Every structure is written in C-alpha cells, then in structure tokens.
Amino acid sequence: MITGILLPCAEEQPIQRVEFDAENEKVIQEMVGGTFEAFNLDEPPASILANDEAMLWSLPFNHRATVLLWQHAKGLRGQAYISGDAILTGAPDKRGFTKSVPSQLIELLLDTETYGVEFLHHPNGPWSRKAITFTDWFEAYNYAIIHEETFAAVRGARVIRAE
C-alpha cells in the first residue's frame, strides 16, 4: 500500500489522502476513470496519474492537477493538460514500482494553513519571499506560475509553508 493524494477535477470536492495498492492497475483505473498515464514531476520527484483517454471522452479540465504539473514539471508548462480525476503519487523507484507521494507534498497540500511564494532572481540564489500570504494552495501556485511567466527577472518560483 502507498499513500497518494486524490485530485478530483470537480473543484468543490476537496483533495484527499488515499491509501491504495499501486501495483493493482484496476484500483488506479477506478480512481481516474479508465486507463492512465503518468506525468512525472521534477522536484520533488513525484508523478500525477491521470486518465490517458481524457480528451477522447471530453472529461472536465482538472485545474488543480494541471497547476501542480506546471509548477513541478516546468518543461510541461503550457504543453500538457490534465483532465478528469488524477492521483498524485511518488516517483517510481528503479524497478518501476510507484512509491508514496513525498512527505513534503503531503505537508504542503494537506497540512498547511497559510502559504507563501518565493522567487529566484539569480541562478545561484537567494530565494526572496513576497509579503503576500495565501490560505489556499491553489491560489499560491497560480500566483507563482503567473509571476514566473510574466516577469523576465524571475528565474524560478516556489510555494512554501508560510507559518
């Protein structure tokens, strides 16, 4: 059994921690509504499992999963979109077995009450924090992405726990 985070596409439904057998494809297919593909995140190493036929079935766009993907896999920003329900897991190990979602993502997405955004202006640092604080991780992630894409002086952005 591994720990994942279910990311429903219906925004009125909360994201939630789920425990499941990652080697049982049928369980994952039930959670994402069909066969699935993995979108790999860079930092921290993680994956988003999503329905690979979402576009064929016109599944609703999953804003939360897509924002996570774009922030943690910047090479896919604007290139890949996630539709339908999705599951955030850890990256696969060397043998290809899916691991639990990294604890830092569990803490940030499920156990944090206030969020901050830090920006990198020079390749070697330091990170600087904007004074604005968010109570919703999705808003903080959007803010980070918009600023990183809009301002040429911003080399990187990350969402952090503000407490």
N, C-alpha and C. Protein backbone atom coordinates (compact mmCIF):
# COMPACT_ATOMS: atom_id res chain seq x y z
N MET A 1 0.84 -1.19 0.00
CA MET A 1 0.00 0.00 0.00
C MET A 1 0.88 1.24 0.00
N ILE A 2 0.46 2.24 -0.77
CA ILE A 2 1.15 3.51 -0.79
C ILE A 2 0.16 4.63 -0.45
N THR A 3 0.71 5.80 -0.16
CA THR A 3 -0.11 6.98 0.09
C THR A 3 -0.05 7.87 -1.14
N GLY A 4 -1.21 8.33 -1.57
CA GLY A 4 -1.31 9.27 -2.67
C GLY A 4 -2.25 10.40 -2.28
N ILE A 5 -2.41 11.35 -3.16
CA ILE A 5 -3.36 12.44 -2.96
C ILE A 5 -4.28 12.44 -4.16
N LEU A 6 -5.58 12.23 -3.90
CA LEU A 6 -6.59 12.26 -4.95
C LEU A 6 -6.91 13.71 -5.28
N LEU A 7 -6.83 14.05 -6.56
CA LEU A 7 -7.09 15.40 -7.05
C LEU A 7 -8.33 15.37 -7.93
N PRO A 8 -9.53 15.50 -7.33
CA PRO A 8 -10.75 15.47 -8.15
C PRO A 8 -10.80 16.67 -9.09
N CYS A 9 -11.37 16.46 -10.28
CA CYS A 9 -11.48 17.59 -11.20
C CYS A 9 -12.58 18.55 -10.76
N ALA A 10 -13.57 18.05 -10.04
CA ALA A 10 -14.64 18.91 -9.51
C ALA A 10 -14.06 19.75 -8.37
N GLU A 11 -13.95 21.04 -8.58
CA GLU A 11 -13.26 21.90 -7.61
C GLU A 11 -13.99 22.03 -6.28
N GLU A 12 -15.27 21.71 -6.25
CA GLU A 12 -15.99 21.75 -4.96
C GLU A 12 -15.66 20.54 -4.09
N GLN A 13 -15.03 19.54 -4.67
CA GLN A 13 -14.60 18.38 -3.90
C GLN A 13 -13.17 18.61 -3.40
N PRO A 14 -12.92 18.35 -2.13
CA PRO A 14 -11.57 18.58 -1.60
C PRO A 14 -10.59 17.51 -2.10
N ILE A 15 -9.32 17.89 -2.16
CA ILE A 15 -8.30 16.87 -2.41
C ILE A 15 -8.20 16.04 -1.13
N GLN A 16 -7.76 14.80 -1.26
CA GLN A 16 -7.71 13.95 -0.08
C GLN A 16 -6.62 12.90 -0.17
N ARG A 17 -6.12 12.54 0.99
CA ARG A 17 -5.13 11.47 1.11
C ARG A 17 -5.83 10.14 0.85
N VAL A 18 -5.19 9.29 0.05
CA VAL A 18 -5.73 7.96 -0.23
C VAL A 18 -4.63 6.93 -0.06
N GLU A 19 -5.00 5.77 0.43
CA GLU A 19 -4.08 4.63 0.56
C GLU A 19 -4.56 3.59 -0.45
N PHE A 20 -3.64 3.08 -1.27
CA PHE A 20 -4.05 2.10 -2.26
C PHE A 20 -2.87 1.24 -2.68
N ASP A 21 -3.19 0.13 -3.33
CA ASP A 21 -2.18 -0.77 -3.86
C ASP A 21 -1.78 -0.27 -5.24
N ALA A 22 -0.62 0.31 -5.35
CA ALA A 22 -0.18 0.92 -6.60
C ALA A 22 0.12 -0.12 -7.68
N GLU A 23 0.24 -1.38 -7.30
CA GLU A 23 0.51 -2.41 -8.28
C GLU A 23 -0.78 -3.00 -8.86
N ASN A 24 -1.92 -2.58 -8.32
CA ASN A 24 -3.21 -3.04 -8.81
C ASN A 24 -3.77 -1.98 -9.77
N GLU A 25 -3.56 -2.20 -11.06
CA GLU A 25 -3.97 -1.21 -12.06
C GLU A 25 -5.47 -0.93 -12.01
N LYS A 26 -6.28 -1.92 -11.68
CA LYS A 26 -7.73 -1.73 -11.65
C LYS A 26 -8.13 -0.69 -10.60
N VAL A 27 -7.44 -0.67 -9.48
CA VAL A 27 -7.73 0.32 -8.42
C VAL A 27 -7.44 1.72 -8.94
N ILE A 28 -6.31 1.89 -9.61
CA ILE A 28 -5.96 3.20 -10.16
C ILE A 28 -6.95 3.59 -11.26
N GLN A 29 -7.29 2.64 -12.11
CA GLN A 29 -8.26 2.91 -13.18
C GLN A 29 -9.60 3.36 -12.62
N GLU A 30 -10.02 2.78 -11.51
CA GLU A 30 -11.28 3.19 -10.88
C GLU A 30 -11.18 4.64 -10.38
N MET A 31 -10.01 5.01 -9.84
CA MET A 31 -9.86 6.36 -9.30
C MET A 31 -9.79 7.42 -10.40
N VAL A 32 -9.19 7.09 -11.56
CA VAL A 32 -9.04 8.08 -12.63
C VAL A 32 -10.04 7.87 -13.77
N GLY A 33 -10.89 6.86 -13.65
CA GLY A 33 -11.95 6.67 -14.64
C GLY A 33 -11.51 6.02 -15.94
N GLY A 34 -10.47 5.20 -15.91
CA GLY A 34 -10.04 4.49 -17.11
C GLY A 34 -8.55 4.23 -17.11
N THR A 35 -8.05 3.84 -18.28
CA THR A 35 -6.61 3.60 -18.39
C THR A 35 -5.89 4.91 -18.10
N PHE A 36 -4.64 4.80 -17.68
CA PHE A 36 -3.97 6.01 -17.19
C PHE A 36 -2.55 6.13 -17.71
N GLU A 37 -2.05 7.36 -17.61
CA GLU A 37 -0.66 7.65 -17.91
C GLU A 37 -0.08 8.42 -16.74
N ALA A 38 1.25 8.44 -16.67
CA ALA A 38 1.94 9.15 -15.59
C ALA A 38 2.63 10.39 -16.15
N PHE A 39 2.42 11.50 -15.47
CA PHE A 39 3.14 12.75 -15.74
C PHE A 39 4.16 12.89 -14.61
N ASN A 40 5.42 12.91 -14.95
CA ASN A 40 6.47 12.94 -13.94
C ASN A 40 6.85 14.37 -13.57
N LEU A 41 6.91 14.62 -12.27
CA LEU A 41 7.30 15.92 -11.74
C LEU A 41 8.80 15.90 -11.46
N ASP A 42 9.41 17.07 -11.57
CA ASP A 42 10.86 17.16 -11.37
C ASP A 42 11.24 17.24 -9.90
N GLU A 43 10.69 18.21 -9.21
CA GLU A 43 11.11 18.45 -7.82
C GLU A 43 9.91 18.83 -6.98
N PRO A 44 9.59 18.09 -5.95
CA PRO A 44 10.21 16.82 -5.59
C PRO A 44 9.80 15.72 -6.57
N PRO A 45 10.58 14.64 -6.65
CA PRO A 45 10.23 13.56 -7.57
C PRO A 45 8.88 12.96 -7.23
N ALA A 46 7.96 13.09 -8.14
CA ALA A 46 6.60 12.60 -7.94
C ALA A 46 5.97 12.37 -9.31
N SER A 47 4.76 11.84 -9.32
CA SER A 47 4.03 11.61 -10.57
C SER A 47 2.57 11.94 -10.35
N ILE A 48 1.94 12.36 -11.42
CA ILE A 48 0.48 12.53 -11.42
C ILE A 48 -0.05 11.48 -12.38
N LEU A 49 -0.91 10.61 -11.87
CA LEU A 49 -1.55 9.59 -12.69
C LEU A 49 -2.91 10.12 -13.12
N ALA A 50 -3.16 10.11 -14.44
CA ALA A 50 -4.40 10.66 -14.97
C ALA A 50 -4.89 9.80 -16.14
N ASN A 51 -6.17 9.92 -16.42
CA ASN A 51 -6.81 9.18 -17.50
C ASN A 51 -6.14 9.55 -18.83
N ASP A 52 -5.65 8.53 -19.55
CA ASP A 52 -4.95 8.82 -20.80
C ASP A 52 -5.90 8.98 -21.98
N GLU A 53 -7.18 8.78 -21.77
CA GLU A 53 -8.16 9.00 -22.83
C GLU A 53 -9.11 10.15 -22.48
N ALA A 54 -8.64 11.02 -21.59
CA ALA A 54 -9.49 12.12 -21.09
C ALA A 54 -10.00 13.01 -22.21
N MET A 55 -9.15 13.30 -23.18
CA MET A 55 -9.58 14.17 -24.28
C MET A 55 -10.61 13.47 -25.17
N LEU A 56 -10.43 12.18 -25.39
CA LEU A 56 -11.40 11.44 -26.21
C LEU A 56 -12.79 11.42 -25.57
N TRP A 57 -12.81 11.35 -24.24
CA TRP A 57 -14.07 11.28 -23.52
C TRP A 57 -14.57 12.65 -23.06
N SER A 58 -13.83 13.69 -23.43
CA SER A 58 -14.18 15.08 -23.05
C SER A 58 -14.37 15.21 -21.54
N LEU A 59 -13.45 14.61 -20.79
CA LEU A 59 -13.51 14.76 -19.34
C LEU A 59 -13.21 16.20 -18.96
N PRO A 60 -13.79 16.69 -17.87
CA PRO A 60 -13.56 18.08 -17.48
C PRO A 60 -12.11 18.35 -17.12
N PHE A 61 -11.68 19.56 -17.44
CA PHE A 61 -10.32 20.02 -17.15
C PHE A 61 -10.08 19.99 -15.65
N ASN A 62 -8.92 19.50 -15.24
CA ASN A 62 -8.56 19.44 -13.83
C ASN A 62 -7.56 20.57 -13.54
N HIS A 63 -8.09 21.70 -13.08
CA HIS A 63 -7.25 22.87 -12.82
C HIS A 63 -6.16 22.58 -11.78
N ARG A 64 -6.55 21.93 -10.68
CA ARG A 64 -5.58 21.71 -9.59
C ARG A 64 -4.45 20.80 -10.02
N ALA A 65 -4.76 19.71 -10.69
CA ALA A 65 -3.70 18.79 -11.14
C ALA A 65 -2.80 19.47 -12.17
N THR A 66 -3.38 20.25 -13.06
CA THR A 66 -2.59 20.92 -14.09
C THR A 66 -1.67 21.97 -13.48
N VAL A 67 -2.15 22.73 -12.50
CA VAL A 67 -1.31 23.74 -11.85
C VAL A 67 -0.14 23.05 -11.12
N LEU A 68 -0.41 21.95 -10.44
CA LEU A 68 0.68 21.20 -9.80
C LEU A 68 1.70 20.73 -10.85
N LEU A 69 1.20 20.20 -11.95
CA LEU A 69 2.08 19.73 -13.02
C LEU A 69 2.94 20.87 -13.55
N TRP A 70 2.33 22.00 -13.84
CA TRP A 70 3.06 23.12 -14.43
C TRP A 70 4.09 23.71 -13.47
N GLN A 71 3.81 23.65 -12.18
CA GLN A 71 4.77 24.21 -11.23
C GLN A 71 5.94 23.24 -10.96
N HIS A 72 5.65 21.96 -10.95
CA HIS A 72 6.68 20.98 -10.59
C HIS A 72 7.31 20.26 -11.78
N ALA A 73 6.83 20.54 -12.98
CA ALA A 73 7.43 20.00 -14.21
C ALA A 73 7.37 21.12 -15.25
N LYS A 74 8.22 22.10 -15.07
CA LYS A 74 8.15 23.34 -15.85
C LYS A 74 8.28 23.10 -17.35
N GLY A 75 8.93 22.01 -17.76
CA GLY A 75 9.03 21.69 -19.18
C GLY A 75 7.70 21.33 -19.81
N LEU A 76 6.72 21.00 -18.98
CA LEU A 76 5.38 20.65 -19.48
C LEU A 76 4.41 21.82 -19.41
N ARG A 77 4.87 22.94 -18.85
CA ARG A 77 4.01 24.12 -18.68
C ARG A 77 3.50 24.58 -20.05
N GLY A 78 2.19 24.65 -20.17
CA GLY A 78 1.56 25.07 -21.41
C GLY A 78 1.54 23.99 -22.48
N GLN A 79 2.16 22.84 -22.22
CA GLN A 79 2.25 21.76 -23.19
C GLN A 79 1.33 20.58 -22.84
N ALA A 80 1.17 20.32 -21.56
CA ALA A 80 0.36 19.19 -21.11
C ALA A 80 -0.75 19.70 -20.18
N TYR A 81 -1.91 19.11 -20.33
CA TYR A 81 -3.06 19.47 -19.51
C TYR A 81 -3.65 18.18 -18.95
N ILE A 82 -4.22 18.27 -17.76
CA ILE A 82 -4.82 17.08 -17.16
C ILE A 82 -6.32 17.30 -17.07
N SER A 83 -7.04 16.30 -17.51
CA SER A 83 -8.50 16.31 -17.42
C SER A 83 -8.95 15.09 -16.65
N GLY A 84 -10.08 15.20 -16.00
CA GLY A 84 -10.59 14.11 -15.18
C GLY A 84 -9.88 14.06 -13.83
N ASP A 85 -10.32 13.13 -13.00
CA ASP A 85 -9.70 12.96 -11.69
C ASP A 85 -8.27 12.44 -11.86
N ALA A 86 -7.40 12.81 -10.93
CA ALA A 86 -6.00 12.41 -11.00
C ALA A 86 -5.50 12.05 -9.61
N ILE A 87 -4.38 11.36 -9.55
CA ILE A 87 -3.77 10.95 -8.29
C ILE A 87 -2.31 11.39 -8.29
N LEU A 88 -1.91 12.08 -7.24
CA LEU A 88 -0.52 12.45 -7.04
C LEU A 88 0.15 11.35 -6.24
N THR A 89 1.24 10.82 -6.77
CA THR A 89 1.99 9.75 -6.09
C THR A 89 3.46 10.14 -6.05
N GLY A 90 4.24 9.26 -5.48
CA GLY A 90 5.68 9.44 -5.56
C GLY A 90 6.16 8.97 -6.92
N ALA A 91 7.41 9.27 -7.22
CA ALA A 91 8.00 8.79 -8.47
C ALA A 91 8.25 7.29 -8.37
N PRO A 92 8.30 6.61 -9.49
CA PRO A 92 8.63 5.18 -9.43
C PRO A 92 10.08 4.96 -9.00
N ASP A 93 10.31 3.84 -8.33
CA ASP A 93 11.69 3.51 -7.94
C ASP A 93 12.43 2.92 -9.15
N LYS A 94 13.65 2.47 -8.94
CA LYS A 94 14.49 1.96 -10.03
C LYS A 94 13.89 0.73 -10.70
N ARG A 95 13.05 0.00 -9.96
CA ARG A 95 12.41 -1.19 -10.54
C ARG A 95 11.08 -0.86 -11.20
N GLY A 96 10.67 0.42 -11.14
CA GLY A 96 9.41 0.83 -11.78
C GLY A 96 8.20 0.78 -10.87
N PHE A 97 8.40 0.50 -9.58
CA PHE A 97 7.28 0.45 -8.65
C PHE A 97 6.95 1.85 -8.12
N THR A 98 5.70 2.22 -8.19
CA THR A 98 5.26 3.53 -7.73
C THR A 98 5.39 3.62 -6.21
N LYS A 99 5.94 4.73 -5.75
CA LYS A 99 6.14 4.97 -4.32
C LYS A 99 5.08 5.95 -3.80
N SER A 100 5.05 6.13 -2.49
CA SER A 100 4.14 7.09 -1.87
C SER A 100 4.54 8.51 -2.24
N VAL A 101 3.55 9.38 -2.24
CA VAL A 101 3.80 10.80 -2.52
C VAL A 101 4.80 11.34 -1.49
N PRO A 102 5.75 12.17 -1.90
CA PRO A 102 6.73 12.71 -0.95
C PRO A 102 6.05 13.44 0.21
N SER A 103 6.61 13.26 1.40
CA SER A 103 6.01 13.85 2.61
C SER A 103 5.92 15.37 2.51
N GLN A 104 6.87 16.02 1.82
CA GLN A 104 6.80 17.47 1.71
C GLN A 104 5.58 17.93 0.92
N LEU A 105 5.11 17.13 -0.05
CA LEU A 105 3.90 17.48 -0.78
C LEU A 105 2.65 17.20 0.06
N ILE A 106 2.68 16.13 0.85
CA ILE A 106 1.56 15.86 1.76
C ILE A 106 1.43 17.01 2.74
N GLU A 107 2.54 17.42 3.32
CA GLU A 107 2.52 18.52 4.29
C GLU A 107 2.03 19.81 3.64
N LEU A 108 2.56 20.12 2.47
CA LEU A 108 2.20 21.37 1.82
C LEU A 108 0.74 21.40 1.38
N LEU A 109 0.27 20.34 0.76
CA LEU A 109 -1.07 20.34 0.19
C LEU A 109 -2.18 20.00 1.19
N LEU A 110 -1.87 19.19 2.19
CA LEU A 110 -2.92 18.74 3.11
C LEU A 110 -2.81 19.27 4.53
N ASP A 111 -1.62 19.65 4.97
CA ASP A 111 -1.43 20.00 6.37
C ASP A 111 -1.02 21.46 6.59
N THR A 112 -1.06 22.28 5.57
CA THR A 112 -0.64 23.67 5.69
C THR A 112 -1.85 24.59 5.65
N GLU A 113 -1.83 25.62 6.49
CA GLU A 113 -2.95 26.57 6.54
C GLU A 113 -2.66 27.85 5.78
N THR A 114 -1.40 28.29 5.76
CA THR A 114 -1.05 29.50 5.03
C THR A 114 0.19 29.26 4.18
N TYR A 115 0.19 29.89 3.02
CA TYR A 115 1.22 29.66 2.02
C TYR A 115 1.90 30.96 1.64
N GLY A 116 3.16 30.86 1.29
CA GLY A 116 3.92 31.97 0.76
C GLY A 116 4.51 31.56 -0.58
N VAL A 117 4.99 32.55 -1.32
CA VAL A 117 5.64 32.27 -2.59
C VAL A 117 7.01 32.93 -2.56
N GLU A 118 8.01 32.15 -2.92
CA GLU A 118 9.38 32.66 -3.01
C GLU A 118 9.80 32.69 -4.47
N PHE A 119 10.64 33.70 -4.79
CA PHE A 119 11.12 33.86 -6.15
C PHE A 119 12.64 33.84 -6.18
N LEU A 120 13.16 33.33 -7.27
CA LEU A 120 14.59 33.29 -7.51
C LEU A 120 14.88 34.26 -8.65
N HIS A 121 15.75 35.25 -8.38
CA HIS A 121 16.08 36.25 -9.40
C HIS A 121 17.45 36.01 -10.03
N HIS A 122 18.30 35.27 -9.35
CA HIS A 122 19.63 34.93 -9.86
C HIS A 122 19.80 33.42 -9.77
N PRO A 123 20.46 32.81 -10.75
CA PRO A 123 20.57 31.35 -10.77
C PRO A 123 21.10 30.72 -9.48
N ASN A 124 21.98 31.41 -8.78
CA ASN A 124 22.55 30.84 -7.56
C ASN A 124 21.91 31.37 -6.28
N GLY A 125 20.74 31.95 -6.39
CA GLY A 125 20.01 32.40 -5.21
C GLY A 125 20.34 33.80 -4.81
N PRO A 126 19.86 34.27 -3.73
CA PRO A 126 18.97 33.59 -2.77
C PRO A 126 17.50 33.71 -3.19
N TRP A 127 16.66 32.90 -2.55
CA TRP A 127 15.22 32.99 -2.75
C TRP A 127 14.71 34.18 -1.94
N SER A 128 13.77 34.92 -2.51
CA SER A 128 13.17 36.04 -1.78
C SER A 128 11.66 35.83 -1.73
N ARG A 129 11.09 36.18 -0.60
CA ARG A 129 9.66 35.93 -0.37
C ARG A 129 8.86 37.20 -0.56
N LYS A 130 7.75 37.08 -1.27
CA LYS A 130 6.79 38.17 -1.37
C LYS A 130 6.02 38.25 -0.07
N ALA A 131 5.59 39.44 0.30
CA ALA A 131 4.90 39.64 1.58
C ALA A 131 3.50 39.04 1.59
N ILE A 132 2.93 38.80 0.45
CA ILE A 132 1.55 38.28 0.38
C ILE A 132 1.49 36.85 0.91
N THR A 133 0.41 36.56 1.64
CA THR A 133 0.19 35.22 2.19
C THR A 133 -1.15 34.70 1.66
N PHE A 134 -1.20 33.42 1.39
CA PHE A 134 -2.39 32.78 0.84
C PHE A 134 -2.93 31.75 1.83
N THR A 135 -4.23 31.54 1.81
CA THR A 135 -4.84 30.49 2.63
C THR A 135 -5.25 29.29 1.78
N ASP A 136 -4.98 29.36 0.50
CA ASP A 136 -5.34 28.29 -0.43
C ASP A 136 -4.12 27.96 -1.29
N TRP A 137 -3.71 26.69 -1.31
CA TRP A 137 -2.51 26.32 -2.05
C TRP A 137 -2.67 26.58 -3.54
N PHE A 138 -3.88 26.39 -4.06
CA PHE A 138 -4.13 26.58 -5.49
C PHE A 138 -3.89 28.04 -5.89
N GLU A 139 -4.33 28.97 -5.07
CA GLU A 139 -4.09 30.39 -5.35
C GLU A 139 -2.60 30.71 -5.30
N ALA A 140 -1.89 30.15 -4.33
CA ALA A 140 -0.45 30.38 -4.22
C ALA A 140 0.28 29.83 -5.45
N TYR A 141 -0.09 28.64 -5.90
CA TYR A 141 0.53 28.06 -7.08
C TYR A 141 0.26 28.91 -8.32
N ASN A 142 -0.98 29.37 -8.49
CA ASN A 142 -1.30 30.23 -9.62
C ASN A 142 -0.48 31.50 -9.60
N TYR A 143 -0.36 32.11 -8.43
CA TYR A 143 0.42 33.34 -8.27
C TYR A 143 1.88 33.09 -8.68
N ALA A 144 2.43 31.98 -8.23
CA ALA A 144 3.82 31.65 -8.56
C ALA A 144 4.00 31.47 -10.07
N ILE A 145 3.11 30.74 -10.69
CA ILE A 145 3.22 30.48 -12.13
C ILE A 145 3.07 31.76 -12.93
N ILE A 146 2.07 32.56 -12.60
CA ILE A 146 1.84 33.81 -13.34
C ILE A 146 3.05 34.73 -13.24
N HIS A 147 3.61 34.88 -12.05
CA HIS A 147 4.76 35.76 -11.89
C HIS A 147 6.00 35.21 -12.59
N GLU A 148 6.18 33.92 -12.54
CA GLU A 148 7.34 33.32 -13.20
C GLU A 148 7.24 33.49 -14.72
N GLU A 149 6.04 33.40 -15.25
CA GLU A 149 5.84 33.53 -16.69
C GLU A 149 5.82 34.99 -17.15
N THR A 150 5.45 35.91 -16.27
CA THR A 150 5.26 37.32 -16.64
C THR A 150 6.52 38.16 -16.52
N PHE A 151 7.30 37.94 -15.49
CA PHE A 151 8.44 38.80 -15.21
C PHE A 151 9.75 38.15 -15.63
N ALA A 152 10.45 38.81 -16.54
CA ALA A 152 11.70 38.27 -17.08
C ALA A 152 12.76 38.10 -16.00
N ALA A 153 12.71 38.92 -14.95
CA ALA A 153 13.73 38.85 -13.89
C ALA A 153 13.54 37.66 -12.96
N VAL A 154 12.38 37.01 -13.04
CA VAL A 154 12.11 35.86 -12.17
C VAL A 154 12.60 34.60 -12.87
N ARG A 155 13.56 33.92 -12.23
CA ARG A 155 14.14 32.69 -12.78
C ARG A 155 13.46 31.44 -12.26
N GLY A 156 12.78 31.57 -11.13
CA GLY A 156 12.11 30.44 -10.54
C GLY A 156 11.14 30.91 -9.48
N ALA A 157 10.15 30.08 -9.18
CA ALA A 157 9.19 30.38 -8.13
C ALA A 157 8.84 29.07 -7.43
N ARG A 158 8.56 29.20 -6.14
CA ARG A 158 8.14 28.00 -5.40
C ARG A 158 7.15 28.42 -4.32
N VAL A 159 6.27 27.48 -4.00
CA VAL A 159 5.27 27.67 -2.96
C VAL A 159 5.79 27.03 -1.69
N ILE A 160 5.68 27.75 -0.58
CA ILE A 160 6.18 27.27 0.69
C ILE A 160 5.12 27.42 1.78
N ARG A 161 5.36 26.75 2.87
CA ARG A 161 4.53 26.92 4.06
C ARG A 161 4.89 28.28 4.68
N ALA A 162 3.87 29.11 4.97
CA ALA A 162 4.13 30.46 5.47
C ALA A 162 4.15 30.54 6.99
N GLU A 163 3.74 29.50 7.68
CA GLU A 163 3.66 29.53 9.14
C GLU A 163 5.01 29.52 9.78
